[in-house]
Amino acid sequence: MSGNGALKVQTGPLEDLYSKLAAAARACDASSFAVYQISAVSGKVDAGRVLYCTEAKDAQRPQRPDADDTIILQSQWFRLHSGRSHTFEGPSFHVNKELVQLQYVVDAPSTPPMLLIAALPIDTRQAADCSIEFDAILALISPSAEVHAAILSPRELEVARWVSEGKTSQETGVILGLSEHTINEYIRSGMRKMGATNRLSFVAKTIRRGLVV
């Protein structure tokens, strides 16, 4: 998957994770590999911006989920958050033109909520091998509050801390010298980054992951 393909990375543990996954995809002859950030708001789950992407020259980049894929994505997301302890859900396979798209949903403490897509040749053995390699890599993901602390801005963390103590947006705004509207915007942006479906879920995730104590 080398060549003139676009590449978007974040530094640190996430870059290392993406690189390992991309290498596993490449070993199975994937023409491209992409990571999309997931947003989950009010029961709707979507694949958002690209966090990482690499592709071979003239290769077809993995396609964003279409209507059918979105149903699969939401099903994976809800299954992942149904009380199970797993940090990733997959794989799902989708035939797209002359490719098989291998998809995983990941929401581990040390990663942003994300969708992995590898574009593979239509070869059942290679698709199976790639999924096994992804399983092994994703199973090694360990909790890291530092990673999410870097994803959330200092102000978002500060707002989450006061809200976790039972403060309303208005009360938090008074404490921080900001408007209630601005506080709600910080909460909404934090929810998107953490893949939280509501205010309580956002605060719960920050506490569970050690960002707010």
N, C-alpha and C. Protein backbone atom coordinates (compact mmCIF):
# COMPACT_ATOMS: atom_id res chain seq x y z
N MET A 1 0.81 -1.19 0.00
CA MET A 1 0.00 0.00 0.00
C MET A 1 0.85 1.25 0.00
N SER A 2 2.03 1.13 -0.53
CA SER A 2 2.86 2.31 -0.65
C SER A 2 2.50 3.02 -1.93
N GLY A 3 3.19 4.11 -2.21
CA GLY A 3 2.88 4.86 -3.42
C GLY A 3 2.53 6.27 -3.07
N ASN A 4 1.66 6.89 -3.89
CA ASN A 4 1.36 8.29 -3.66
C ASN A 4 0.04 8.47 -2.93
N GLY A 5 -0.41 7.45 -2.21
CA GLY A 5 -1.67 7.55 -1.49
C GLY A 5 -1.58 8.53 -0.35
N ALA A 6 -2.72 9.11 0.00
CA ALA A 6 -2.78 10.05 1.10
C ALA A 6 -2.57 9.32 2.41
N LEU A 7 -2.00 10.01 3.37
CA LEU A 7 -1.76 9.41 4.66
C LEU A 7 -2.02 10.44 5.74
N LYS A 8 -2.92 10.11 6.66
CA LYS A 8 -3.24 11.00 7.77
C LYS A 8 -3.01 10.23 9.06
N VAL A 9 -2.20 10.78 9.94
CA VAL A 9 -1.89 10.06 11.17
C VAL A 9 -1.95 10.99 12.36
N GLN A 10 -2.10 10.39 13.55
CA GLN A 10 -1.91 11.08 14.79
C GLN A 10 -0.67 10.48 15.43
N THR A 11 0.02 11.24 16.24
CA THR A 11 1.26 10.77 16.82
C THR A 11 1.00 9.90 18.04
N GLY A 12 2.04 9.17 18.43
CA GLY A 12 1.97 8.39 19.65
C GLY A 12 1.34 7.03 19.47
N PRO A 13 0.67 6.53 20.54
CA PRO A 13 0.11 5.17 20.52
C PRO A 13 -0.85 4.93 19.37
N LEU A 14 -1.63 5.93 18.99
CA LEU A 14 -2.58 5.74 17.90
C LEU A 14 -1.87 5.52 16.57
N GLU A 15 -0.83 6.28 16.32
CA GLU A 15 -0.06 6.10 15.08
C GLU A 15 0.51 4.69 15.02
N ASP A 16 1.00 4.20 16.16
CA ASP A 16 1.56 2.85 16.20
C ASP A 16 0.48 1.81 15.91
N LEU A 17 -0.71 2.00 16.48
CA LEU A 17 -1.81 1.07 16.23
C LEU A 17 -2.20 1.08 14.77
N TYR A 18 -2.37 2.27 14.18
CA TYR A 18 -2.75 2.37 12.78
C TYR A 18 -1.70 1.72 11.89
N SER A 19 -0.43 1.93 12.21
CA SER A 19 0.65 1.37 11.40
C SER A 19 0.64 -0.15 11.43
N LYS A 20 0.38 -0.72 12.60
CA LYS A 20 0.33 -2.18 12.72
C LYS A 20 -0.84 -2.75 11.93
N LEU A 21 -1.99 -2.09 12.03
CA LEU A 21 -3.16 -2.54 11.28
C LEU A 21 -2.93 -2.42 9.77
N ALA A 22 -2.33 -1.31 9.35
CA ALA A 22 -2.05 -1.10 7.93
C ALA A 22 -1.06 -2.15 7.42
N ALA A 23 -0.07 -2.48 8.24
CA ALA A 23 0.91 -3.50 7.84
C ALA A 23 0.24 -4.86 7.69
N ALA A 24 -0.68 -5.17 8.60
CA ALA A 24 -1.41 -6.45 8.51
C ALA A 24 -2.26 -6.48 7.25
N ALA A 25 -2.91 -5.35 6.94
CA ALA A 25 -3.72 -5.28 5.72
C ALA A 25 -2.85 -5.43 4.48
N ARG A 26 -1.71 -4.77 4.50
CA ARG A 26 -0.79 -4.85 3.36
C ARG A 26 -0.30 -6.27 3.13
N ALA A 27 -0.04 -7.00 4.22
CA ALA A 27 0.44 -8.38 4.11
C ALA A 27 -0.61 -9.29 3.47
N CYS A 28 -1.87 -8.86 3.54
CA CYS A 28 -2.95 -9.64 2.93
C CYS A 28 -3.37 -9.04 1.59
N ASP A 29 -2.47 -8.25 1.00
CA ASP A 29 -2.67 -7.67 -0.33
C ASP A 29 -3.80 -6.66 -0.40
N ALA A 30 -4.07 -5.98 0.72
CA ALA A 30 -5.07 -4.91 0.68
C ALA A 30 -4.55 -3.76 -0.19
N SER A 31 -5.43 -3.20 -1.00
CA SER A 31 -5.02 -2.07 -1.83
C SER A 31 -5.12 -0.76 -1.08
N SER A 32 -5.88 -0.74 0.01
CA SER A 32 -5.99 0.46 0.82
C SER A 32 -6.53 0.12 2.20
N PHE A 33 -6.26 1.03 3.13
CA PHE A 33 -6.70 0.87 4.51
C PHE A 33 -7.02 2.25 5.05
N ALA A 34 -8.18 2.38 5.70
CA ALA A 34 -8.58 3.69 6.22
C ALA A 34 -9.22 3.54 7.59
N VAL A 35 -9.07 4.59 8.38
CA VAL A 35 -9.70 4.67 9.70
C VAL A 35 -10.56 5.92 9.73
N TYR A 36 -11.85 5.74 10.02
CA TYR A 36 -12.78 6.85 10.13
C TYR A 36 -13.21 7.01 11.59
N GLN A 37 -13.30 8.26 12.03
CA GLN A 37 -13.80 8.49 13.38
C GLN A 37 -15.32 8.34 13.39
N ILE A 38 -15.83 7.69 14.40
CA ILE A 38 -17.26 7.46 14.54
C ILE A 38 -17.89 8.50 15.45
N SER A 39 -19.04 9.00 15.05
CA SER A 39 -19.84 9.84 15.93
C SER A 39 -21.14 9.11 16.21
N ALA A 40 -21.55 9.13 17.47
CA ALA A 40 -22.79 8.46 17.86
C ALA A 40 -23.61 9.43 18.70
N VAL A 41 -24.63 9.99 18.11
CA VAL A 41 -25.46 10.99 18.79
C VAL A 41 -26.93 10.64 18.61
N SER A 42 -27.65 10.62 19.71
CA SER A 42 -29.11 10.38 19.70
C SER A 42 -29.48 9.11 18.94
N GLY A 43 -28.69 8.08 19.13
CA GLY A 43 -28.99 6.80 18.50
C GLY A 43 -28.56 6.67 17.06
N LYS A 44 -28.01 7.74 16.48
CA LYS A 44 -27.55 7.69 15.09
C LYS A 44 -26.03 7.56 15.08
N VAL A 45 -25.54 6.58 14.33
CA VAL A 45 -24.11 6.33 14.27
C VAL A 45 -23.61 6.60 12.86
N ASP A 46 -22.58 7.42 12.73
CA ASP A 46 -22.03 7.78 11.41
C ASP A 46 -20.52 7.70 11.43
N ALA A 47 -19.95 7.42 10.26
CA ALA A 47 -18.50 7.49 10.08
C ALA A 47 -18.15 8.91 9.66
N GLY A 48 -17.32 9.57 10.44
CA GLY A 48 -16.99 10.97 10.19
C GLY A 48 -15.68 11.16 9.47
N ARG A 49 -14.82 12.00 10.04
CA ARG A 49 -13.59 12.39 9.34
C ARG A 49 -12.59 11.23 9.30
N VAL A 50 -11.68 11.31 8.35
CA VAL A 50 -10.64 10.30 8.19
C VAL A 50 -9.53 10.57 9.21
N LEU A 51 -9.20 9.57 10.01
CA LEU A 51 -8.10 9.67 10.96
C LEU A 51 -6.79 9.18 10.36
N TYR A 52 -6.91 8.23 9.45
CA TYR A 52 -5.72 7.62 8.85
C TYR A 52 -6.13 6.98 7.54
N CYS A 53 -5.29 7.12 6.53
CA CYS A 53 -5.59 6.48 5.25
C CYS A 53 -4.30 6.27 4.47
N THR A 54 -4.15 5.08 3.92
CA THR A 54 -3.03 4.82 3.03
C THR A 54 -3.52 3.92 1.91
N GLU A 55 -3.02 4.14 0.71
CA GLU A 55 -3.51 3.38 -0.43
C GLU A 55 -2.42 3.22 -1.47
N ALA A 56 -2.51 2.17 -2.26
CA ALA A 56 -1.58 1.95 -3.35
C ALA A 56 -1.88 2.91 -4.49
N LYS A 57 -0.91 3.13 -5.34
CA LYS A 57 -1.11 4.01 -6.48
C LYS A 57 -2.26 3.50 -7.35
N ASP A 58 -3.15 4.41 -7.69
CA ASP A 58 -4.31 4.12 -8.54
C ASP A 58 -5.31 3.15 -7.88
N ALA A 59 -5.17 2.93 -6.59
CA ALA A 59 -6.10 2.02 -5.92
C ALA A 59 -7.40 2.72 -5.58
N GLN A 60 -8.41 1.95 -5.39
CA GLN A 60 -9.69 2.49 -4.96
C GLN A 60 -9.70 2.61 -3.44
N ARG A 61 -9.86 3.82 -2.95
CA ARG A 61 -9.89 4.02 -1.51
C ARG A 61 -11.15 3.37 -0.93
N PRO A 62 -11.04 2.83 0.30
CA PRO A 62 -12.24 2.27 0.92
C PRO A 62 -13.36 3.30 0.94
N GLN A 63 -14.54 2.88 0.57
CA GLN A 63 -15.67 3.80 0.49
C GLN A 63 -16.30 4.01 1.86
N ARG A 64 -16.74 5.24 2.10
CA ARG A 64 -17.49 5.49 3.32
C ARG A 64 -18.75 4.62 3.30
N PRO A 65 -19.22 4.23 4.46
CA PRO A 65 -20.41 3.34 4.50
C PRO A 65 -21.59 3.95 3.77
N ASP A 66 -22.24 3.13 2.95
CA ASP A 66 -23.48 3.58 2.30
C ASP A 66 -24.64 3.24 3.23
N ALA A 67 -25.87 3.35 2.72
CA ALA A 67 -27.05 3.14 3.57
C ALA A 67 -27.05 1.75 4.19
N ASP A 68 -26.71 0.74 3.38
CA ASP A 68 -26.69 -0.63 3.91
C ASP A 68 -25.60 -0.81 4.94
N ASP A 69 -24.42 -0.25 4.65
CA ASP A 69 -23.30 -0.37 5.58
C ASP A 69 -23.59 0.35 6.89
N THR A 70 -24.32 1.46 6.81
CA THR A 70 -24.63 2.22 8.02
C THR A 70 -25.46 1.38 8.99
N ILE A 71 -26.35 0.57 8.45
CA ILE A 71 -27.14 -0.33 9.29
C ILE A 71 -26.21 -1.32 10.00
N ILE A 72 -25.23 -1.84 9.25
CA ILE A 72 -24.26 -2.76 9.84
C ILE A 72 -23.43 -2.04 10.90
N LEU A 73 -23.00 -0.81 10.57
CA LEU A 73 -22.20 -0.02 11.49
C LEU A 73 -22.95 0.21 12.81
N GLN A 74 -24.22 0.62 12.70
CA GLN A 74 -25.01 0.88 13.91
C GLN A 74 -25.24 -0.40 14.70
N SER A 75 -25.46 -1.51 13.99
CA SER A 75 -25.65 -2.79 14.68
C SER A 75 -24.40 -3.18 15.44
N GLN A 76 -23.24 -3.01 14.81
CA GLN A 76 -21.98 -3.32 15.48
C GLN A 76 -21.78 -2.43 16.70
N TRP A 77 -22.09 -1.14 16.53
CA TRP A 77 -21.90 -0.18 17.62
C TRP A 77 -22.80 -0.53 18.81
N PHE A 78 -24.07 -0.81 18.55
CA PHE A 78 -24.99 -1.11 19.63
C PHE A 78 -24.64 -2.44 20.30
N ARG A 79 -24.18 -3.39 19.50
CA ARG A 79 -23.76 -4.66 20.08
C ARG A 79 -22.54 -4.46 20.97
N LEU A 80 -21.62 -3.62 20.52
CA LEU A 80 -20.41 -3.34 21.28
C LEU A 80 -20.75 -2.70 22.62
N HIS A 81 -21.82 -1.90 22.65
CA HIS A 81 -22.17 -1.17 23.86
C HIS A 81 -23.36 -1.79 24.60
N SER A 82 -23.57 -3.06 24.39
CA SER A 82 -24.71 -3.72 25.04
C SER A 82 -24.32 -4.40 26.35
N GLY A 83 -23.19 -3.99 26.91
CA GLY A 83 -22.77 -4.55 28.18
C GLY A 83 -21.64 -5.56 28.07
N ARG A 84 -21.21 -5.84 26.85
CA ARG A 84 -20.09 -6.76 26.68
C ARG A 84 -18.79 -6.04 27.00
N SER A 85 -17.76 -6.81 27.31
CA SER A 85 -16.49 -6.22 27.73
C SER A 85 -15.54 -5.98 26.57
N HIS A 86 -15.89 -6.43 25.37
CA HIS A 86 -15.00 -6.28 24.22
C HIS A 86 -14.83 -4.81 23.85
N THR A 87 -13.67 -4.49 23.31
CA THR A 87 -13.41 -3.12 22.89
C THR A 87 -13.55 -2.94 21.38
N PHE A 88 -13.78 -4.04 20.66
CA PHE A 88 -13.97 -3.92 19.21
C PHE A 88 -15.01 -4.92 18.75
N GLU A 89 -15.66 -4.60 17.65
CA GLU A 89 -16.72 -5.43 17.10
C GLU A 89 -16.47 -5.64 15.61
N GLY A 90 -16.39 -6.86 15.19
CA GLY A 90 -16.15 -7.15 13.80
C GLY A 90 -15.76 -8.61 13.66
N PRO A 91 -15.46 -9.02 12.44
CA PRO A 91 -15.53 -8.17 11.25
C PRO A 91 -16.88 -8.26 10.56
N SER A 92 -17.11 -7.30 9.67
CA SER A 92 -18.18 -7.45 8.69
C SER A 92 -17.53 -7.39 7.32
N PHE A 93 -18.09 -8.10 6.36
CA PHE A 93 -17.53 -8.14 5.01
C PHE A 93 -18.56 -7.59 4.03
N HIS A 94 -18.10 -6.74 3.13
CA HIS A 94 -19.00 -6.16 2.14
C HIS A 94 -18.31 -6.17 0.78
N VAL A 95 -18.93 -6.80 -0.20
CA VAL A 95 -18.35 -6.85 -1.55
C VAL A 95 -18.68 -5.54 -2.26
N ASN A 96 -17.64 -4.86 -2.71
CA ASN A 96 -17.79 -3.57 -3.37
C ASN A 96 -17.03 -3.61 -4.69
N LYS A 97 -17.75 -3.74 -5.80
CA LYS A 97 -17.13 -3.86 -7.12
C LYS A 97 -16.22 -5.08 -7.13
N GLU A 98 -14.92 -4.88 -7.26
CA GLU A 98 -13.99 -6.01 -7.33
C GLU A 98 -13.22 -6.17 -6.03
N LEU A 99 -13.75 -5.62 -4.96
CA LEU A 99 -13.06 -5.66 -3.68
C LEU A 99 -13.97 -6.21 -2.59
N VAL A 100 -13.33 -6.72 -1.53
CA VAL A 100 -14.05 -7.05 -0.30
C VAL A 100 -13.63 -6.02 0.74
N GLN A 101 -14.60 -5.33 1.31
CA GLN A 101 -14.28 -4.38 2.36
C GLN A 101 -14.45 -5.06 3.72
N LEU A 102 -13.35 -5.12 4.45
CA LEU A 102 -13.34 -5.69 5.79
C LEU A 102 -13.52 -4.53 6.77
N GLN A 103 -14.53 -4.61 7.64
CA GLN A 103 -14.86 -3.48 8.52
C GLN A 103 -14.89 -3.91 9.98
N TYR A 104 -14.33 -3.05 10.83
CA TYR A 104 -14.35 -3.24 12.27
C TYR A 104 -14.79 -1.95 12.95
N VAL A 105 -15.54 -2.07 14.02
CA VAL A 105 -15.87 -0.94 14.89
C VAL A 105 -15.04 -1.07 16.16
N VAL A 106 -14.38 0.02 16.56
CA VAL A 106 -13.51 0.00 17.74
C VAL A 106 -13.87 1.15 18.66
N ASP A 107 -14.01 0.87 19.95
CA ASP A 107 -14.21 1.93 20.94
C ASP A 107 -13.53 1.50 22.23
N ALA A 108 -12.21 1.53 22.19
CA ALA A 108 -11.41 1.14 23.35
C ALA A 108 -11.06 2.38 24.16
N PRO A 109 -10.72 2.23 25.44
CA PRO A 109 -10.36 3.39 26.26
C PRO A 109 -9.21 4.20 25.69
N SER A 110 -8.31 3.54 24.94
CA SER A 110 -7.13 4.24 24.44
C SER A 110 -7.26 4.71 23.00
N THR A 111 -8.47 4.66 22.43
CA THR A 111 -8.66 5.11 21.06
C THR A 111 -9.91 5.97 20.96
N PRO A 112 -9.98 6.81 19.93
CA PRO A 112 -11.27 7.44 19.65
C PRO A 112 -12.20 6.40 19.07
N PRO A 113 -13.52 6.57 19.16
CA PRO A 113 -14.43 5.62 18.50
C PRO A 113 -14.14 5.65 17.00
N MET A 114 -13.92 4.49 16.40
CA MET A 114 -13.48 4.50 15.01
C MET A 114 -13.96 3.29 14.24
N LEU A 115 -13.98 3.45 12.91
CA LEU A 115 -14.33 2.39 11.98
C LEU A 115 -13.11 2.10 11.12
N LEU A 116 -12.68 0.85 11.09
CA LEU A 116 -11.56 0.43 10.25
C LEU A 116 -12.10 -0.21 8.98
N ILE A 117 -11.55 0.17 7.83
CA ILE A 117 -11.95 -0.45 6.57
C ILE A 117 -10.71 -0.80 5.75
N ALA A 118 -10.58 -2.07 5.40
CA ALA A 118 -9.50 -2.51 4.51
C ALA A 118 -10.12 -3.02 3.22
N ALA A 119 -9.59 -2.57 2.09
CA ALA A 119 -10.06 -3.01 0.77
C ALA A 119 -9.18 -4.16 0.31
N LEU A 120 -9.78 -5.34 0.24
CA LEU A 120 -9.03 -6.56 -0.05
C LEU A 120 -9.46 -7.18 -1.37
N PRO A 121 -8.59 -8.00 -1.98
CA PRO A 121 -9.01 -8.74 -3.18
C PRO A 121 -10.14 -9.70 -2.81
N ILE A 122 -10.94 -10.09 -3.79
CA ILE A 122 -12.00 -11.07 -3.53
C ILE A 122 -11.35 -12.44 -3.42
N ASP A 123 -10.90 -12.73 -2.21
CA ASP A 123 -10.23 -13.98 -1.91
C ASP A 123 -10.61 -14.33 -0.48
N THR A 124 -11.40 -15.35 -0.30
CA THR A 124 -11.93 -15.65 1.03
C THR A 124 -10.85 -15.97 2.05
N ARG A 125 -9.80 -16.64 1.61
CA ARG A 125 -8.73 -16.98 2.55
C ARG A 125 -8.01 -15.72 3.01
N GLN A 126 -7.68 -14.83 2.07
CA GLN A 126 -6.99 -13.60 2.44
C GLN A 126 -7.86 -12.72 3.35
N ALA A 127 -9.15 -12.67 3.06
CA ALA A 127 -10.05 -11.88 3.90
C ALA A 127 -10.09 -12.45 5.31
N ALA A 128 -10.14 -13.77 5.40
CA ALA A 128 -10.16 -14.42 6.72
C ALA A 128 -8.84 -14.18 7.45
N ASP A 129 -7.72 -14.31 6.73
CA ASP A 129 -6.41 -14.09 7.34
C ASP A 129 -6.28 -12.66 7.86
N CYS A 130 -6.76 -11.69 7.08
CA CYS A 130 -6.66 -10.29 7.49
C CYS A 130 -7.49 -10.05 8.76
N SER A 131 -8.69 -10.65 8.80
CA SER A 131 -9.53 -10.46 9.98
C SER A 131 -8.88 -11.07 11.23
N ILE A 132 -8.20 -12.19 11.06
CA ILE A 132 -7.52 -12.83 12.19
C ILE A 132 -6.38 -11.95 12.69
N GLU A 133 -5.64 -11.35 11.74
CA GLU A 133 -4.55 -10.45 12.12
C GLU A 133 -5.10 -9.22 12.84
N PHE A 134 -6.19 -8.66 12.34
CA PHE A 134 -6.81 -7.51 13.00
C PHE A 134 -7.27 -7.89 14.41
N ASP A 135 -7.88 -9.08 14.54
CA ASP A 135 -8.32 -9.55 15.86
C ASP A 135 -7.16 -9.51 16.86
N ALA A 136 -6.02 -10.05 16.43
CA ALA A 136 -4.87 -10.16 17.32
C ALA A 136 -4.34 -8.79 17.73
N ILE A 137 -4.29 -7.87 16.77
CA ILE A 137 -3.78 -6.52 17.05
C ILE A 137 -4.74 -5.76 17.97
N LEU A 138 -6.02 -5.82 17.66
CA LEU A 138 -7.00 -5.07 18.44
C LEU A 138 -7.15 -5.64 19.85
N ALA A 139 -6.92 -6.93 20.01
CA ALA A 139 -7.03 -7.56 21.32
C ALA A 139 -5.96 -7.05 22.28
N LEU A 140 -4.90 -6.46 21.74
CA LEU A 140 -3.81 -5.97 22.58
C LEU A 140 -4.00 -4.52 23.02
N ILE A 141 -5.09 -3.89 22.56
CA ILE A 141 -5.33 -2.50 22.95
C ILE A 141 -5.52 -2.44 24.46
N SER A 142 -4.77 -1.56 25.10
CA SER A 142 -4.87 -1.42 26.56
C SER A 142 -5.37 -0.02 26.92
N PRO A 143 -6.02 0.11 28.07
CA PRO A 143 -6.52 1.43 28.47
C PRO A 143 -5.40 2.43 28.63
N SER A 144 -5.66 3.64 28.20
CA SER A 144 -4.69 4.73 28.35
C SER A 144 -5.43 6.05 28.45
N ALA A 145 -5.54 6.56 29.65
CA ALA A 145 -6.24 7.84 29.84
C ALA A 145 -5.52 8.96 29.13
N GLU A 146 -4.18 8.81 28.98
CA GLU A 146 -3.42 9.88 28.37
C GLU A 146 -3.84 10.13 26.92
N VAL A 147 -4.20 9.05 26.20
CA VAL A 147 -4.58 9.21 24.81
C VAL A 147 -5.86 10.02 24.70
N HIS A 148 -6.89 9.65 25.49
CA HIS A 148 -8.13 10.41 25.43
C HIS A 148 -7.94 11.81 26.00
N ALA A 149 -7.04 11.97 26.97
CA ALA A 149 -6.78 13.30 27.50
C ALA A 149 -6.23 14.20 26.42
N ALA A 150 -5.46 13.60 25.49
CA ALA A 150 -4.92 14.39 24.38
C ALA A 150 -6.00 14.71 23.36
N ILE A 151 -6.99 13.80 23.23
CA ILE A 151 -8.07 14.01 22.27
C ILE A 151 -9.02 15.10 22.76
N LEU A 152 -9.36 15.07 24.05
CA LEU A 152 -10.21 16.11 24.62
C LEU A 152 -9.36 17.32 24.96
N SER A 153 -9.88 18.49 24.68
CA SER A 153 -9.15 19.73 24.99
C SER A 153 -9.17 19.96 26.49
N PRO A 154 -8.23 20.76 27.01
CA PRO A 154 -8.23 21.06 28.44
C PRO A 154 -9.56 21.63 28.92
N ARG A 155 -10.19 22.48 28.09
CA ARG A 155 -11.47 23.07 28.49
C ARG A 155 -12.58 22.03 28.52
N GLU A 156 -12.57 21.10 27.56
CA GLU A 156 -13.57 20.03 27.55
C GLU A 156 -13.43 19.16 28.80
N LEU A 157 -12.20 18.88 29.19
CA LEU A 157 -11.96 18.09 30.39
C LEU A 157 -12.42 18.84 31.63
N GLU A 158 -12.17 20.15 31.64
CA GLU A 158 -12.57 20.97 32.78
C GLU A 158 -14.10 21.00 32.92
N VAL A 159 -14.77 21.16 31.79
CA VAL A 159 -16.23 21.16 31.80
C VAL A 159 -16.76 19.81 32.27
N ALA A 160 -16.16 18.73 31.76
CA ALA A 160 -16.60 17.38 32.15
C ALA A 160 -16.43 17.18 33.66
N ARG A 161 -15.38 17.73 34.23
CA ARG A 161 -15.14 17.56 35.67
C ARG A 161 -16.23 18.23 36.49
N TRP A 162 -16.61 19.47 36.10
CA TRP A 162 -17.64 20.17 36.86
C TRP A 162 -19.01 19.51 36.67
N VAL A 163 -19.29 19.07 35.46
CA VAL A 163 -20.57 18.40 35.21
C VAL A 163 -20.64 17.10 36.00
N SER A 164 -19.50 16.41 36.11
CA SER A 164 -19.48 15.15 36.87
C SER A 164 -19.77 15.39 38.34
N GLU A 165 -19.54 16.60 38.81
CA GLU A 165 -19.82 16.95 40.20
C GLU A 165 -21.25 17.44 40.39
N GLY A 166 -22.05 17.32 39.33
CA GLY A 166 -23.46 17.66 39.44
C GLY A 166 -23.81 19.08 39.07
N LYS A 167 -22.85 19.83 38.54
CA LYS A 167 -23.12 21.20 38.16
C LYS A 167 -23.89 21.25 36.84
N THR A 168 -24.84 22.16 36.75
CA THR A 168 -25.55 22.37 35.50
C THR A 168 -24.66 23.16 34.55
N SER A 169 -25.09 23.27 33.30
CA SER A 169 -24.31 24.07 32.33
C SER A 169 -24.23 25.51 32.79
N GLN A 170 -25.32 26.03 33.32
CA GLN A 170 -25.33 27.41 33.79
C GLN A 170 -24.37 27.60 34.95
N GLU A 171 -24.38 26.67 35.90
CA GLU A 171 -23.49 26.77 37.06
C GLU A 171 -22.03 26.61 36.62
N THR A 172 -21.79 25.70 35.70
CA THR A 172 -20.42 25.51 35.20
C THR A 172 -19.94 26.76 34.50
N GLY A 173 -20.84 27.40 33.75
CA GLY A 173 -20.50 28.64 33.06
C GLY A 173 -20.11 29.74 34.03
N VAL A 174 -20.82 29.84 35.13
CA VAL A 174 -20.50 30.86 36.14
C VAL A 174 -19.12 30.59 36.74
N ILE A 175 -18.85 29.33 37.05
CA ILE A 175 -17.56 28.96 37.63
C ILE A 175 -16.40 29.28 36.69
N LEU A 176 -16.60 28.98 35.40
CA LEU A 176 -15.51 29.15 34.43
C LEU A 176 -15.53 30.50 33.72
N GLY A 177 -16.54 31.29 34.02
CA GLY A 177 -16.63 32.60 33.37
C GLY A 177 -17.02 32.51 31.91
N LEU A 178 -17.86 31.52 31.57
CA LEU A 178 -18.30 31.32 30.20
C LEU A 178 -19.82 31.29 30.14
N SER A 179 -20.37 31.45 28.95
CA SER A 179 -21.82 31.41 28.81
C SER A 179 -22.32 29.97 28.86
N GLU A 180 -23.59 29.82 29.19
CA GLU A 180 -24.19 28.50 29.21
C GLU A 180 -24.12 27.86 27.82
N HIS A 181 -24.32 28.67 26.78
CA HIS A 181 -24.24 28.17 25.40
C HIS A 181 -22.84 27.60 25.11
N THR A 182 -21.81 28.32 25.55
CA THR A 182 -20.44 27.86 25.31
C THR A 182 -20.16 26.55 26.04
N ILE A 183 -20.66 26.44 27.27
CA ILE A 183 -20.49 25.20 28.03
C ILE A 183 -21.15 24.03 27.30
N ASN A 184 -22.36 24.26 26.79
CA ASN A 184 -23.06 23.20 26.05
C ASN A 184 -22.31 22.82 24.78
N GLU A 185 -21.66 23.78 24.14
CA GLU A 185 -20.87 23.48 22.94
C GLU A 185 -19.67 22.60 23.30
N TYR A 186 -19.03 22.89 24.44
CA TYR A 186 -17.92 22.04 24.89
C TYR A 186 -18.41 20.63 25.19
N ILE A 187 -19.57 20.52 25.79
CA ILE A 187 -20.12 19.20 26.09
C ILE A 187 -20.41 18.45 24.80
N ARG A 188 -21.01 19.14 23.83
CA ARG A 188 -21.34 18.49 22.56
C ARG A 188 -20.08 18.04 21.82
N SER A 189 -19.05 18.88 21.82
CA SER A 189 -17.81 18.49 21.12
C SER A 189 -17.14 17.33 21.84
N GLY A 190 -17.20 17.33 23.18
CA GLY A 190 -16.65 16.21 23.94
C GLY A 190 -17.40 14.93 23.68
N MET A 191 -18.73 15.04 23.56
CA MET A 191 -19.55 13.87 23.25
C MET A 191 -19.16 13.27 21.92
N ARG A 192 -18.96 14.12 20.91
CA ARG A 192 -18.58 13.63 19.59
C ARG A 192 -17.25 12.89 19.65
N LYS A 193 -16.29 13.48 20.34
CA LYS A 193 -14.96 12.87 20.40
C LYS A 193 -14.97 11.54 21.15
N MET A 194 -15.82 11.44 22.16
CA MET A 194 -15.85 10.24 22.99
C MET A 194 -16.86 9.21 22.49
N GLY A 195 -17.64 9.58 21.46
CA GLY A 195 -18.64 8.66 20.96
C GLY A 195 -19.78 8.46 21.93
N ALA A 196 -20.07 9.50 22.72
CA ALA A 196 -21.15 9.42 23.71
C ALA A 196 -22.47 9.83 23.06
N THR A 197 -23.54 9.18 23.48
CA THR A 197 -24.85 9.46 22.89
C THR A 197 -25.61 10.56 23.63
N ASN A 198 -25.17 10.88 24.84
CA ASN A 198 -25.81 11.96 25.59
C ASN A 198 -24.86 12.50 26.64
N ARG A 199 -25.31 13.50 27.36
CA ARG A 199 -24.49 14.18 28.36
C ARG A 199 -24.02 13.23 29.47
N LEU A 200 -24.93 12.41 29.98
CA LEU A 200 -24.58 11.49 31.04
C LEU A 200 -23.57 10.45 30.58
N SER A 201 -23.75 9.97 29.35
CA SER A 201 -22.83 9.00 28.79
C SER A 201 -21.43 9.60 28.64
N PHE A 202 -21.38 10.85 28.23
CA PHE A 202 -20.09 11.55 28.08
C PHE A 202 -19.36 11.61 29.41
N VAL A 203 -20.05 12.05 30.44
CA VAL A 203 -19.43 12.15 31.76
C VAL A 203 -19.02 10.78 32.27
N ALA A 204 -19.88 9.78 32.06
CA ALA A 204 -19.57 8.43 32.52
C ALA A 204 -18.31 7.89 31.84
N LYS A 205 -18.17 8.17 30.55
CA LYS A 205 -16.99 7.69 29.83
C LYS A 205 -15.72 8.37 30.32
N THR A 206 -15.79 9.66 30.61
CA THR A 206 -14.59 10.36 31.09
C THR A 206 -14.18 9.83 32.46
N ILE A 207 -15.16 9.48 33.28
CA ILE A 207 -14.85 8.93 34.61
C ILE A 207 -14.29 7.53 34.48
N ARG A 208 -14.94 6.69 33.64
CA ARG A 208 -14.52 5.31 33.47
C ARG A 208 -13.12 5.22 32.93
N ARG A 209 -12.74 6.17 32.11
CA ARG A 209 -11.42 6.13 31.47
C ARG A 209 -10.38 6.94 32.23
N GLY A 210 -10.72 7.36 33.43
CA GLY A 210 -9.74 8.02 34.28
C GLY A 210 -9.42 9.45 33.94
N LEU A 211 -10.23 10.07 33.09
CA LEU A 211 -9.97 11.46 32.71
C LEU A 211 -10.52 12.42 33.75
N VAL A 212 -11.57 12.01 34.44
CA VAL A 212 -12.18 12.81 35.49
C VAL A 212 -12.24 11.97 36.75
N VAL A 213 -11.72 12.50 37.85
CA VAL A 213 -11.72 11.76 39.12
C VAL A 213 -12.40 12.56 40.20
